[in-house]
């Protein structure tokens, strides 16, 4: 059976050390801005601490994908995921309402996306680059899930560009399908069906 990616407008914030939840009635542009601000690290002697800034080669790779209208290749998806993990970049998981088998922005999706658009226009993000990645659960085929997740990520990017005049060069759309299950022990759980927004600025 094909994937049903029907979301409610709720927000969970991903922070270093594990996910934290924000109550649905407190979701607003201010909470999104706070979640996407680069986090300052306490000084430690840890040998595994992430680098303080993004390396030049990684920055060039990110810049090469900014505003891209082509599909992101498998190797590029993997490299983006590695950069997000290695640098512990600030991100949020945003649940979006889409109709079954559709990549059109529904009326149910707009309240959350409006708050996201307001947040991304914050003065502190004028030079930021955001990764908009779509994720599905493990229902349906790998190819179907990957295609649907990418189309939905592109729909969100298009909404942000047209409604909030956010520059195309500030956005990267990518679909991961079921490659990054949030709950791998529950592959068909609703929590796996999400859109992740990552601030690619360190």
N, C-alpha and C. Protein backbone atom coordinates (compact mmCIF):
# COMPACT_ATOMS: atom_id res chain seq x y z
N UNK A 1 0.84 -1.19 0.00
CA UNK A 1 0.00 0.00 0.00
C UNK A 1 0.88 1.25 0.00
N UNK A 2 0.49 2.21 -0.78
CA UNK A 2 1.29 3.42 -0.88
C UNK A 2 1.30 4.20 0.43
N UNK A 3 2.34 4.96 0.57
CA UNK A 3 2.56 5.72 1.79
C UNK A 3 1.49 6.78 2.01
N UNK A 4 0.99 6.86 3.23
CA UNK A 4 0.10 7.95 3.61
C UNK A 4 0.90 8.89 4.50
N UNK A 5 1.17 10.07 3.97
CA UNK A 5 1.99 11.03 4.69
C UNK A 5 1.10 12.17 5.15
N UNK A 6 0.21 11.90 6.09
CA UNK A 6 -0.72 12.92 6.57
C UNK A 6 -0.22 13.42 7.92
N UNK A 7 0.06 14.70 7.99
CA UNK A 7 0.70 15.25 9.17
C UNK A 7 -0.24 16.20 9.92
N UNK A 8 0.00 16.35 11.19
CA UNK A 8 -0.63 17.41 11.96
C UNK A 8 0.42 18.49 12.17
N UNK A 9 -0.02 19.71 12.41
CA UNK A 9 0.94 20.80 12.57
C UNK A 9 1.46 20.83 13.99
N UNK A 10 2.53 20.11 14.23
CA UNK A 10 3.18 20.09 15.54
C UNK A 10 4.66 20.17 15.30
N UNK A 11 5.40 20.63 16.30
CA UNK A 11 6.81 20.88 16.13
C UNK A 11 7.60 20.17 17.21
N UNK A 12 8.68 19.50 16.81
CA UNK A 12 9.62 18.97 17.78
C UNK A 12 10.98 19.55 17.45
N UNK A 13 11.71 19.97 18.45
CA UNK A 13 13.00 20.59 18.24
C UNK A 13 14.09 19.56 18.48
N UNK A 14 15.03 19.47 17.55
CA UNK A 14 16.16 18.58 17.72
C UNK A 14 17.31 19.40 18.25
N UNK A 15 17.83 19.03 19.41
CA UNK A 15 18.92 19.76 20.01
C UNK A 15 20.03 18.77 20.33
N UNK A 16 21.24 19.29 20.50
CA UNK A 16 22.35 18.43 20.85
C UNK A 16 22.05 17.75 22.17
N UNK A 17 22.23 16.45 22.20
CA UNK A 17 21.94 15.69 23.41
C UNK A 17 20.61 14.98 23.35
N UNK A 18 19.83 15.21 22.33
CA UNK A 18 18.57 14.49 22.19
C UNK A 18 17.42 15.42 21.87
N UNK A 19 16.29 14.85 21.38
CA UNK A 19 15.16 15.68 21.01
C UNK A 19 14.41 16.23 22.21
N UNK A 20 13.88 17.43 22.06
CA UNK A 20 13.03 18.03 23.08
C UNK A 20 11.75 18.48 22.41
N UNK A 21 10.64 18.36 23.10
CA UNK A 21 9.35 18.69 22.52
C UNK A 21 8.91 20.09 22.93
N UNK A 22 8.25 20.77 22.01
CA UNK A 22 7.61 22.04 22.30
C UNK A 22 6.11 21.81 22.18
N UNK A 23 5.36 22.22 23.19
CA UNK A 23 3.91 22.02 23.16
C UNK A 23 3.33 22.71 21.94
N UNK A 24 2.30 22.06 21.35
CA UNK A 24 1.74 22.56 20.10
C UNK A 24 1.25 24.00 20.21
N UNK A 25 0.70 24.37 21.37
CA UNK A 25 0.16 25.73 21.48
C UNK A 25 1.26 26.79 21.65
N UNK A 26 2.51 26.36 21.80
CA UNK A 26 3.61 27.33 21.91
C UNK A 26 4.41 27.43 20.62
N UNK A 27 4.02 26.69 19.59
CA UNK A 27 4.74 26.73 18.32
C UNK A 27 4.50 28.07 17.65
N UNK A 28 5.58 28.80 17.43
CA UNK A 28 5.49 30.08 16.73
C UNK A 28 6.84 30.39 16.11
N UNK A 29 6.90 31.49 15.39
CA UNK A 29 8.13 31.82 14.69
C UNK A 29 9.29 32.04 15.65
N UNK A 30 9.02 32.57 16.84
CA UNK A 30 10.08 32.80 17.81
C UNK A 30 10.72 31.50 18.28
N UNK A 31 9.89 30.48 18.52
CA UNK A 31 10.44 29.20 18.96
C UNK A 31 11.23 28.53 17.83
N UNK A 32 10.81 28.74 16.58
CA UNK A 32 11.55 28.20 15.44
C UNK A 32 12.89 28.90 15.30
N UNK A 33 12.89 30.24 15.42
CA UNK A 33 14.14 30.99 15.36
C UNK A 33 15.11 30.49 16.42
N UNK A 34 14.61 30.32 17.63
CA UNK A 34 15.47 29.87 18.72
C UNK A 34 16.06 28.49 18.43
N UNK A 35 15.24 27.61 17.87
CA UNK A 35 15.70 26.25 17.57
C UNK A 35 16.76 26.23 16.48
N UNK A 36 16.68 27.17 15.53
CA UNK A 36 17.59 27.16 14.39
C UNK A 36 18.84 28.02 14.59
N UNK A 37 18.94 28.71 15.71
CA UNK A 37 20.15 29.48 15.97
C UNK A 37 21.29 28.52 16.27
N UNK A 38 22.47 28.78 15.68
CA UNK A 38 23.62 27.93 16.01
C UNK A 38 23.88 27.94 17.51
N UNK A 39 24.09 26.75 18.06
CA UNK A 39 24.29 26.63 19.50
C UNK A 39 25.75 26.85 19.86
N UNK A 40 25.99 27.65 20.90
CA UNK A 40 27.35 27.85 21.37
C UNK A 40 27.75 26.66 22.23
N UNK A 41 28.97 26.20 22.03
CA UNK A 41 29.48 25.04 22.74
C UNK A 41 30.29 25.47 23.95
N UNK A 42 30.11 24.74 25.06
CA UNK A 42 30.96 24.94 26.21
C UNK A 42 32.35 24.39 25.90
N UNK A 43 33.39 25.05 26.41
CA UNK A 43 34.75 24.58 26.19
C UNK A 43 34.98 23.29 26.96
N UNK A 44 35.50 22.28 26.27
CA UNK A 44 35.81 21.00 26.93
C UNK A 44 37.14 20.50 26.39
N UNK A 45 37.65 19.46 27.02
CA UNK A 45 38.87 18.83 26.55
C UNK A 45 38.57 17.60 25.71
N UNK A 46 37.31 17.41 25.35
CA UNK A 46 36.91 16.22 24.62
C UNK A 46 37.60 16.15 23.26
N UNK A 47 38.09 14.94 22.94
CA UNK A 47 38.72 14.72 21.65
C UNK A 47 37.68 14.54 20.55
N UNK A 48 36.42 14.37 20.94
CA UNK A 48 35.37 14.12 19.96
C UNK A 48 34.49 15.33 19.74
N UNK A 49 34.84 16.47 20.30
CA UNK A 49 34.02 17.67 20.13
C UNK A 49 33.98 18.08 18.66
N UNK A 50 32.81 18.54 18.17
CA UNK A 50 32.71 18.93 16.78
C UNK A 50 33.53 20.17 16.50
N UNK A 51 34.01 20.34 15.26
CA UNK A 51 34.78 21.54 14.92
C UNK A 51 33.95 22.79 15.10
N UNK A 52 34.62 23.92 15.40
CA UNK A 52 33.90 25.15 15.71
C UNK A 52 33.32 25.81 14.46
N UNK A 53 33.86 25.52 13.31
CA UNK A 53 33.35 26.09 12.07
C UNK A 53 33.34 25.03 10.97
N UNK A 54 32.56 25.28 9.93
CA UNK A 54 32.48 24.31 8.84
C UNK A 54 33.72 24.45 7.96
N UNK A 55 34.36 23.32 7.67
CA UNK A 55 35.58 23.33 6.86
C UNK A 55 35.29 23.87 5.46
N UNK A 56 36.33 24.42 4.85
CA UNK A 56 36.18 25.07 3.54
C UNK A 56 35.60 24.11 2.51
N UNK A 57 36.09 22.87 2.48
CA UNK A 57 35.61 21.91 1.47
C UNK A 57 34.12 21.62 1.67
N UNK A 58 33.69 21.48 2.93
CA UNK A 58 32.28 21.23 3.21
C UNK A 58 31.43 22.45 2.86
N UNK A 59 31.97 23.64 3.13
CA UNK A 59 31.25 24.87 2.79
C UNK A 59 31.10 25.00 1.28
N UNK A 60 32.13 24.66 0.53
CA UNK A 60 32.04 24.72 -0.93
C UNK A 60 31.01 23.72 -1.46
N UNK A 61 30.96 22.55 -0.83
CA UNK A 61 29.97 21.55 -1.24
C UNK A 61 28.55 22.08 -1.00
N UNK A 62 28.31 22.66 0.16
CA UNK A 62 26.99 23.22 0.48
C UNK A 62 26.64 24.33 -0.51
N UNK A 63 27.59 25.21 -0.78
CA UNK A 63 27.34 26.32 -1.69
C UNK A 63 27.00 25.83 -3.10
N UNK A 64 27.56 24.70 -3.50
CA UNK A 64 27.30 24.15 -4.81
C UNK A 64 25.88 23.63 -4.98
N UNK A 65 25.19 23.39 -3.85
CA UNK A 65 23.81 22.88 -3.90
C UNK A 65 22.77 23.96 -3.68
N UNK A 66 23.19 25.15 -3.31
CA UNK A 66 22.25 26.23 -2.99
C UNK A 66 21.40 26.59 -4.20
N UNK A 67 20.08 26.56 -4.03
CA UNK A 67 19.17 26.94 -5.09
C UNK A 67 19.12 25.95 -6.24
N UNK A 68 19.66 24.75 -6.06
CA UNK A 68 19.69 23.77 -7.14
C UNK A 68 18.28 23.35 -7.53
N UNK A 69 18.05 23.20 -8.84
CA UNK A 69 16.75 22.76 -9.32
C UNK A 69 16.78 21.30 -9.76
N UNK A 70 17.93 20.67 -9.68
CA UNK A 70 18.03 19.26 -10.05
C UNK A 70 17.87 18.40 -8.79
N UNK A 71 17.68 17.12 -9.00
CA UNK A 71 17.60 16.21 -7.87
C UNK A 71 18.96 16.02 -7.20
N UNK A 72 18.95 15.84 -5.90
CA UNK A 72 20.18 15.60 -5.16
C UNK A 72 20.54 14.13 -5.27
N UNK A 73 21.76 13.85 -5.70
CA UNK A 73 22.19 12.46 -5.90
C UNK A 73 22.44 11.75 -4.58
N UNK A 74 22.49 10.42 -4.65
CA UNK A 74 22.67 9.58 -3.45
C UNK A 74 23.92 9.98 -2.66
N UNK A 75 25.04 10.16 -3.35
CA UNK A 75 26.29 10.51 -2.66
C UNK A 75 26.17 11.88 -2.00
N UNK A 76 25.46 12.80 -2.65
CA UNK A 76 25.28 14.13 -2.08
C UNK A 76 24.38 14.08 -0.85
N UNK A 77 23.34 13.25 -0.89
CA UNK A 77 22.47 13.10 0.29
C UNK A 77 23.28 12.59 1.48
N UNK A 78 24.13 11.61 1.21
CA UNK A 78 24.96 11.06 2.28
C UNK A 78 25.92 12.11 2.84
N UNK A 79 26.51 12.90 1.95
CA UNK A 79 27.46 13.92 2.41
C UNK A 79 26.75 15.00 3.22
N UNK A 80 25.56 15.41 2.79
CA UNK A 80 24.80 16.38 3.57
C UNK A 80 24.49 15.85 4.96
N UNK A 81 24.06 14.59 5.02
CA UNK A 81 23.73 13.98 6.31
C UNK A 81 24.96 13.92 7.21
N UNK A 82 26.11 13.63 6.64
CA UNK A 82 27.35 13.57 7.42
C UNK A 82 27.71 14.94 7.97
N UNK A 83 27.57 15.98 7.14
CA UNK A 83 27.87 17.35 7.58
C UNK A 83 26.96 17.76 8.73
N UNK A 84 25.66 17.49 8.59
CA UNK A 84 24.71 17.85 9.64
C UNK A 84 25.07 17.16 10.96
N UNK A 85 25.44 15.89 10.88
CA UNK A 85 25.78 15.13 12.08
C UNK A 85 27.11 15.56 12.68
N UNK A 86 28.14 15.67 11.84
CA UNK A 86 29.48 15.96 12.34
C UNK A 86 29.58 17.33 12.99
N UNK A 87 28.87 18.32 12.43
CA UNK A 87 28.94 19.67 12.98
C UNK A 87 27.82 19.96 13.97
N UNK A 88 26.95 18.97 14.19
CA UNK A 88 25.83 19.12 15.13
C UNK A 88 25.06 20.42 14.84
N UNK A 89 24.62 20.56 13.59
CA UNK A 89 23.95 21.78 13.17
C UNK A 89 22.54 21.87 13.75
N UNK A 90 22.11 23.08 14.03
CA UNK A 90 20.79 23.32 14.62
C UNK A 90 19.69 22.92 13.64
N UNK A 91 18.69 22.18 14.13
CA UNK A 91 17.63 21.71 13.23
C UNK A 91 16.33 21.55 13.97
N UNK A 92 15.24 21.47 13.19
CA UNK A 92 13.92 21.19 13.74
C UNK A 92 13.25 20.14 12.88
N UNK A 93 12.38 19.35 13.48
CA UNK A 93 11.49 18.46 12.75
C UNK A 93 10.12 19.10 12.72
N UNK A 94 9.57 19.29 11.54
CA UNK A 94 8.28 19.96 11.38
C UNK A 94 7.33 19.01 10.68
N UNK A 95 6.21 18.72 11.31
CA UNK A 95 5.20 17.86 10.69
C UNK A 95 4.27 18.71 9.83
N UNK A 96 4.10 18.27 8.58
CA UNK A 96 3.32 19.04 7.60
C UNK A 96 2.18 18.19 7.07
N UNK A 97 1.01 18.80 6.93
CA UNK A 97 -0.15 18.11 6.35
C UNK A 97 -0.07 18.08 4.84
N UNK A 98 0.04 16.88 4.27
CA UNK A 98 -0.10 16.69 2.83
C UNK A 98 -1.23 15.70 2.60
N UNK A 99 -1.97 15.90 1.53
CA UNK A 99 -2.97 14.91 1.16
C UNK A 99 -2.27 13.64 0.67
N UNK A 100 -3.00 12.55 0.69
CA UNK A 100 -2.47 11.26 0.27
C UNK A 100 -1.90 11.33 -1.14
N UNK A 101 -0.66 10.86 -1.29
CA UNK A 101 -0.01 10.75 -2.59
C UNK A 101 0.08 12.10 -3.30
N UNK A 102 0.22 13.18 -2.55
CA UNK A 102 0.24 14.51 -3.14
C UNK A 102 1.41 15.31 -2.58
N UNK A 103 1.95 16.20 -3.43
CA UNK A 103 3.00 17.11 -2.95
C UNK A 103 2.50 18.55 -2.89
N UNK A 104 1.20 18.74 -3.03
CA UNK A 104 0.62 20.09 -2.96
C UNK A 104 0.48 20.53 -1.51
N UNK A 105 0.79 21.80 -1.25
CA UNK A 105 0.65 22.36 0.09
C UNK A 105 -0.84 22.47 0.41
N UNK A 106 -1.28 21.80 1.46
CA UNK A 106 -2.69 21.82 1.82
C UNK A 106 -2.98 22.98 2.77
N UNK A 107 -4.25 23.28 2.94
CA UNK A 107 -4.65 24.33 3.88
C UNK A 107 -4.20 24.00 5.29
N UNK A 108 -4.19 22.70 5.63
CA UNK A 108 -3.76 22.29 6.96
C UNK A 108 -2.27 22.54 7.19
N UNK A 109 -1.49 22.57 6.10
CA UNK A 109 -0.04 22.75 6.23
C UNK A 109 0.34 24.21 6.43
N UNK A 110 -0.49 25.12 5.96
CA UNK A 110 -0.07 26.52 5.89
C UNK A 110 0.24 27.18 7.23
N UNK A 111 -0.52 26.93 8.31
CA UNK A 111 -0.17 27.61 9.56
C UNK A 111 1.27 27.35 10.01
N UNK A 112 1.72 26.10 9.94
CA UNK A 112 3.08 25.78 10.34
C UNK A 112 4.09 26.39 9.37
N UNK A 113 3.79 26.37 8.08
CA UNK A 113 4.71 26.91 7.09
C UNK A 113 4.79 28.43 7.16
N UNK A 114 3.69 29.08 7.50
CA UNK A 114 3.72 30.53 7.69
C UNK A 114 4.65 30.89 8.84
N UNK A 115 4.55 30.15 9.95
CA UNK A 115 5.44 30.40 11.08
C UNK A 115 6.90 30.14 10.69
N UNK A 116 7.12 29.10 9.90
CA UNK A 116 8.48 28.81 9.43
C UNK A 116 8.99 29.93 8.54
N UNK A 117 8.16 30.41 7.62
CA UNK A 117 8.57 31.49 6.74
C UNK A 117 8.92 32.76 7.50
N UNK A 118 8.10 33.10 8.48
CA UNK A 118 8.39 34.29 9.31
C UNK A 118 9.72 34.11 10.02
N UNK A 119 9.95 32.90 10.53
CA UNK A 119 11.20 32.63 11.26
C UNK A 119 12.42 32.76 10.35
N UNK A 120 12.34 32.21 9.14
CA UNK A 120 13.51 32.23 8.26
C UNK A 120 13.83 33.62 7.74
N UNK A 121 12.87 34.55 7.86
CA UNK A 121 13.13 35.94 7.46
C UNK A 121 13.73 36.77 8.60
N UNK A 122 13.99 36.13 9.72
CA UNK A 122 14.60 36.82 10.86
C UNK A 122 15.93 37.45 10.44
N UNK A 123 16.21 38.64 10.95
CA UNK A 123 17.44 39.35 10.59
C UNK A 123 18.69 38.52 10.86
N UNK A 124 18.64 37.67 11.87
CA UNK A 124 19.80 36.85 12.20
C UNK A 124 20.11 35.78 11.18
N UNK A 125 19.19 35.54 10.25
CA UNK A 125 19.37 34.49 9.25
C UNK A 125 19.63 35.04 7.84
N UNK A 126 19.98 36.31 7.73
CA UNK A 126 20.13 36.92 6.41
C UNK A 126 21.17 36.21 5.55
N UNK A 127 22.21 35.67 6.16
CA UNK A 127 23.27 35.00 5.41
C UNK A 127 23.25 33.49 5.59
N UNK A 128 22.18 32.98 6.18
CA UNK A 128 22.10 31.54 6.46
C UNK A 128 21.64 30.75 5.24
N UNK A 129 21.99 29.48 5.23
CA UNK A 129 21.53 28.53 4.23
C UNK A 129 20.78 27.43 4.96
N UNK A 130 19.58 27.08 4.45
CA UNK A 130 18.74 26.09 5.13
C UNK A 130 18.54 24.86 4.26
N UNK A 131 18.73 23.71 4.86
CA UNK A 131 18.45 22.44 4.21
C UNK A 131 17.02 22.05 4.57
N UNK A 132 16.18 21.84 3.57
CA UNK A 132 14.80 21.39 3.76
C UNK A 132 14.74 19.95 3.27
N UNK A 133 14.65 18.99 4.20
CA UNK A 133 14.68 17.59 3.80
C UNK A 133 13.39 16.88 4.19
N UNK A 134 12.87 16.12 3.22
CA UNK A 134 11.66 15.35 3.44
C UNK A 134 12.00 13.93 3.85
N UNK A 135 11.20 13.38 4.77
CA UNK A 135 11.39 12.02 5.27
C UNK A 135 10.05 11.29 5.28
N UNK A 136 10.08 9.99 5.05
CA UNK A 136 8.88 9.17 5.11
C UNK A 136 9.09 8.03 6.10
N UNK A 137 8.03 7.28 6.34
CA UNK A 137 8.20 6.03 7.07
C UNK A 137 8.54 4.94 6.05
N UNK A 138 8.55 3.69 6.48
CA UNK A 138 9.00 2.60 5.62
C UNK A 138 7.87 1.93 4.85
N UNK A 139 6.68 2.52 4.86
CA UNK A 139 5.59 1.99 4.03
C UNK A 139 5.89 2.28 2.57
N UNK A 140 5.48 1.42 1.66
CA UNK A 140 5.71 1.65 0.25
C UNK A 140 7.13 1.28 -0.15
N UNK A 141 7.44 1.46 -1.43
CA UNK A 141 8.76 1.08 -1.94
C UNK A 141 9.77 2.19 -1.67
N UNK A 142 11.04 1.83 -1.67
CA UNK A 142 12.10 2.81 -1.45
C UNK A 142 12.03 3.93 -2.49
N UNK A 143 11.88 3.54 -3.76
CA UNK A 143 11.87 4.52 -4.84
C UNK A 143 10.69 5.47 -4.73
N UNK A 144 9.52 4.93 -4.39
CA UNK A 144 8.32 5.76 -4.24
C UNK A 144 8.50 6.75 -3.10
N UNK A 145 8.97 6.26 -1.96
CA UNK A 145 9.16 7.12 -0.80
C UNK A 145 10.17 8.22 -1.07
N UNK A 146 11.26 7.88 -1.76
CA UNK A 146 12.29 8.87 -2.06
C UNK A 146 11.75 9.96 -2.96
N UNK A 147 11.03 9.58 -4.00
CA UNK A 147 10.46 10.56 -4.93
C UNK A 147 9.45 11.46 -4.24
N UNK A 148 8.56 10.88 -3.45
CA UNK A 148 7.52 11.67 -2.78
C UNK A 148 8.14 12.64 -1.78
N UNK A 149 9.13 12.18 -1.03
CA UNK A 149 9.76 13.05 -0.03
C UNK A 149 10.48 14.22 -0.70
N UNK A 150 11.10 13.98 -1.85
CA UNK A 150 11.79 15.07 -2.54
C UNK A 150 10.79 16.07 -3.12
N UNK A 151 9.69 15.57 -3.70
CA UNK A 151 8.69 16.48 -4.25
C UNK A 151 8.08 17.35 -3.16
N UNK A 152 7.88 16.79 -1.99
CA UNK A 152 7.30 17.56 -0.89
C UNK A 152 8.29 18.59 -0.34
N UNK A 153 9.55 18.21 -0.27
CA UNK A 153 10.56 19.18 0.16
C UNK A 153 10.61 20.34 -0.82
N UNK A 154 10.53 20.05 -2.12
CA UNK A 154 10.55 21.11 -3.13
C UNK A 154 9.30 21.99 -3.05
N UNK A 155 8.17 21.39 -2.71
CA UNK A 155 6.95 22.19 -2.55
C UNK A 155 7.10 23.19 -1.42
N UNK A 156 7.71 22.75 -0.34
CA UNK A 156 7.91 23.64 0.81
C UNK A 156 8.87 24.77 0.44
N UNK A 157 9.95 24.43 -0.25
CA UNK A 157 10.90 25.45 -0.70
C UNK A 157 10.20 26.44 -1.62
N UNK A 158 9.37 25.94 -2.54
CA UNK A 158 8.63 26.83 -3.43
C UNK A 158 7.70 27.76 -2.67
N UNK A 159 7.04 27.24 -1.64
CA UNK A 159 6.15 28.05 -0.82
C UNK A 159 6.93 29.16 -0.12
N UNK A 160 8.08 28.82 0.44
CA UNK A 160 8.89 29.81 1.15
C UNK A 160 9.40 30.89 0.20
N UNK A 161 9.75 30.51 -1.01
CA UNK A 161 10.23 31.48 -2.00
C UNK A 161 9.11 32.41 -2.45
N UNK A 162 7.95 31.83 -2.78
CA UNK A 162 6.88 32.64 -3.36
C UNK A 162 6.12 33.45 -2.32
N UNK A 163 5.95 32.91 -1.14
CA UNK A 163 5.15 33.59 -0.12
C UNK A 163 5.96 34.55 0.73
N UNK A 164 7.22 34.21 0.99
CA UNK A 164 8.04 35.02 1.89
C UNK A 164 9.26 35.62 1.20
N UNK A 165 9.37 35.45 -0.10
CA UNK A 165 10.48 36.01 -0.88
C UNK A 165 11.84 35.62 -0.30
N UNK A 166 11.92 34.42 0.24
CA UNK A 166 13.21 33.92 0.71
C UNK A 166 14.02 33.52 -0.52
N UNK A 167 15.26 33.98 -0.58
CA UNK A 167 16.09 33.76 -1.75
C UNK A 167 16.30 32.27 -2.02
N UNK A 168 16.20 31.91 -3.29
CA UNK A 168 16.44 30.52 -3.69
C UNK A 168 17.80 30.04 -3.23
N UNK A 169 18.79 30.95 -3.23
CA UNK A 169 20.16 30.58 -2.86
C UNK A 169 20.30 30.27 -1.37
N UNK A 170 19.26 30.56 -0.58
CA UNK A 170 19.30 30.24 0.84
C UNK A 170 18.72 28.87 1.15
N UNK A 171 18.21 28.17 0.14
CA UNK A 171 17.48 26.94 0.39
C UNK A 171 18.02 25.77 -0.43
N UNK A 172 18.07 24.62 0.20
CA UNK A 172 18.43 23.37 -0.48
C UNK A 172 17.33 22.37 -0.16
N UNK A 173 16.69 21.83 -1.19
CA UNK A 173 15.64 20.82 -1.00
C UNK A 173 16.20 19.44 -1.30
N UNK A 174 15.92 18.50 -0.41
CA UNK A 174 16.39 17.13 -0.62
C UNK A 174 15.37 16.16 -0.03
N UNK A 175 15.20 15.03 -0.67
CA UNK A 175 14.34 13.97 -0.15
C UNK A 175 15.18 12.80 0.30
N UNK A 176 14.88 12.29 1.49
CA UNK A 176 15.59 11.13 2.02
C UNK A 176 14.71 9.88 2.04
N UNK A 177 13.43 10.03 1.71
CA UNK A 177 12.56 8.86 1.78
C UNK A 177 12.61 8.23 3.16
N UNK A 178 12.90 6.94 3.20
CA UNK A 178 12.97 6.21 4.47
C UNK A 178 14.41 5.96 4.92
N UNK A 179 15.37 6.72 4.35
CA UNK A 179 16.77 6.49 4.67
C UNK A 179 17.15 6.91 6.09
N UNK A 180 16.41 7.85 6.68
CA UNK A 180 16.77 8.37 8.00
C UNK A 180 15.59 8.25 8.95
N UNK A 181 15.19 7.05 9.24
CA UNK A 181 14.06 6.84 10.15
C UNK A 181 14.38 7.41 11.52
N UNK A 182 13.47 8.20 12.04
CA UNK A 182 13.65 8.75 13.38
C UNK A 182 13.47 7.66 14.43
N UNK A 183 12.60 6.70 14.12
CA UNK A 183 12.37 5.55 15.00
C UNK A 183 12.63 4.27 14.21
N UNK A 184 13.89 3.89 14.05
CA UNK A 184 14.20 2.71 13.23
C UNK A 184 13.61 1.42 13.77
N UNK A 185 13.34 1.38 15.09
CA UNK A 185 12.72 0.19 15.67
C UNK A 185 11.22 0.14 15.41
N UNK A 186 10.67 1.27 14.92
CA UNK A 186 9.25 1.35 14.54
C UNK A 186 9.18 1.99 13.15
N UNK A 187 9.55 1.24 12.11
CA UNK A 187 9.73 1.85 10.78
C UNK A 187 8.49 2.49 10.18
N UNK A 188 7.29 2.10 10.64
CA UNK A 188 6.07 2.70 10.08
C UNK A 188 5.43 3.72 11.02
N UNK A 189 6.16 4.11 12.07
CA UNK A 189 5.63 5.08 13.03
C UNK A 189 5.47 6.45 12.39
N UNK A 190 4.46 7.19 12.86
CA UNK A 190 4.18 8.52 12.32
C UNK A 190 5.34 9.48 12.52
N UNK A 191 6.12 9.29 13.58
CA UNK A 191 7.24 10.19 13.86
C UNK A 191 8.28 10.18 12.74
N UNK A 192 8.31 9.12 11.95
CA UNK A 192 9.26 9.04 10.84
C UNK A 192 8.86 9.94 9.68
N UNK A 193 7.59 10.32 9.61
CA UNK A 193 7.07 11.13 8.51
C UNK A 193 7.18 12.60 8.89
N UNK A 194 8.19 13.27 8.34
CA UNK A 194 8.47 14.63 8.80
C UNK A 194 9.27 15.39 7.75
N UNK A 195 9.38 16.69 7.96
CA UNK A 195 10.29 17.53 7.20
C UNK A 195 11.28 18.13 8.19
N UNK A 196 12.54 18.02 7.90
CA UNK A 196 13.57 18.57 8.79
C UNK A 196 14.16 19.82 8.16
N UNK A 197 14.25 20.87 8.96
CA UNK A 197 14.88 22.12 8.53
C UNK A 197 16.19 22.24 9.30
N UNK A 198 17.29 22.40 8.57
CA UNK A 198 18.62 22.50 9.20
C UNK A 198 19.26 23.82 8.82
N UNK A 199 19.79 24.53 9.80
CA UNK A 199 20.57 25.73 9.54
C UNK A 199 21.99 25.27 9.23
N UNK A 200 22.39 25.40 7.96
CA UNK A 200 23.70 24.90 7.54
C UNK A 200 24.83 25.86 7.87
N UNK A 201 24.56 26.86 8.73
CA UNK A 201 25.56 27.81 9.19
C UNK A 201 26.07 27.37 10.54
N UNK A 202 27.37 27.39 10.74
CA UNK A 202 27.96 27.02 12.04
C UNK A 202 28.57 28.25 12.66
